Every structure is written in C-alpha cells, then in structure tokens.
C-alpha cells in the first residue's frame, strides 16, 4: 500500500472506515439466525428488513463490479435492481397504509365540553342561551351513553350469534354530527346577538 498515490490511499482508508461502520450496523443481523430475527418482527417489519438487506447487498455488489472495472449500468444486475425498487415502493406503500390506519380515528365531538367552551368564550350569553347550551350538553352526554350501550349490546349479540364483534365506526357518528351542527348554529346565533362593547 506504500507504493500507492496519496489520493488512492485516502480513498481506501475512507472505504475501510465505511466498511467497518457497515459491519457495525449489520452486527444485529449477523449475530442471529434468520428464524430468530423473524420471530421478533411483525410481517411489515420483516418485509422492511428483507428489503433493506437486499438494498445493502445490491449496493455492495455494485461496488464489487466497480472494483472489477465493470460498469454496473451495463450489467444484467440492473434488472434485479429494478425489481428491488418495485418491492421498495410496495413495502413503502404498505407502511404508509398501516400508518394511516393507525392515525385514522373517527371524529367524535364532546358536546358537553363544547358547550362549556362556548359558554366560557362568549360571556354575554342570556339566561335562555346558557340553559340551551346546558340542555345540548346533557343531550350529547346521554346520546353518547346510549350509543355506547348499543355498541356493547350489539357486540354481545354478535358474539352470541358466532359473528365478529367489529362494527362500522362511521355508522355511530351520525348523531354526534347533529349535535355539532346544533352547537355551531347556536354559537353563530349567540355571536350574532352579542354586541361589541365600546
């Protein structure tokens, strides 16, 4: 290595440093059997792991080709790299769908809390308006309890019938939207009646 030019020596040293970093990163995978790794991961994580390992192997093979003086772009390996990119897109799309399902929760309006918020935000409400807000809040709480009881009863009946207990969450949200509309209408009317103080 002493007879090599300085720029080549520095590049070789840099490559050796990066290879040691790669070995450190791959150590968790290399110290376990594939069965041990798979047992710790769910299917999506397994797909991501295999995809990442495939990309690492492809990158190393491209480096190997370059060291042999072969242009990786002209090698038949490029077909395989195209397949890897397709799998990467599929796994990425699946991961995005899973993340979306986790974060996609149905919108529920806490009518009682909204009523308290409106009452606190608009200080010049009349007694009638305050009473109407309390009434809407109480109705919202009782509707929520009825919906919960209905869902629980439906789940019990489905289990007794041998079916699954999964319900369509969107079907239970209809009355909440009605309360929301009523509260928003009330807020609009209340704000229209409140005159700004000078």
Foldseek 3Di string as FASTA:
>chain_A
DVPDDPVVVVVVVVVVVVVVVVCVVCVVVVVDDPVVVVVVDDPLVVLVVVLVVVVVVLVVVCVVCVVVVHHPVPDPCVVVVVVSVVSVVVSVVVVVVVVCVVPDDDDFDQLLVLLVVLCVVQVPDDPVLNVVSVVLNVVSVVLVVVLVVVLVVQLVVCVVVVHHSDDDVVVSRVVRVVSVVVSVVSSVVRVVPDDDDD
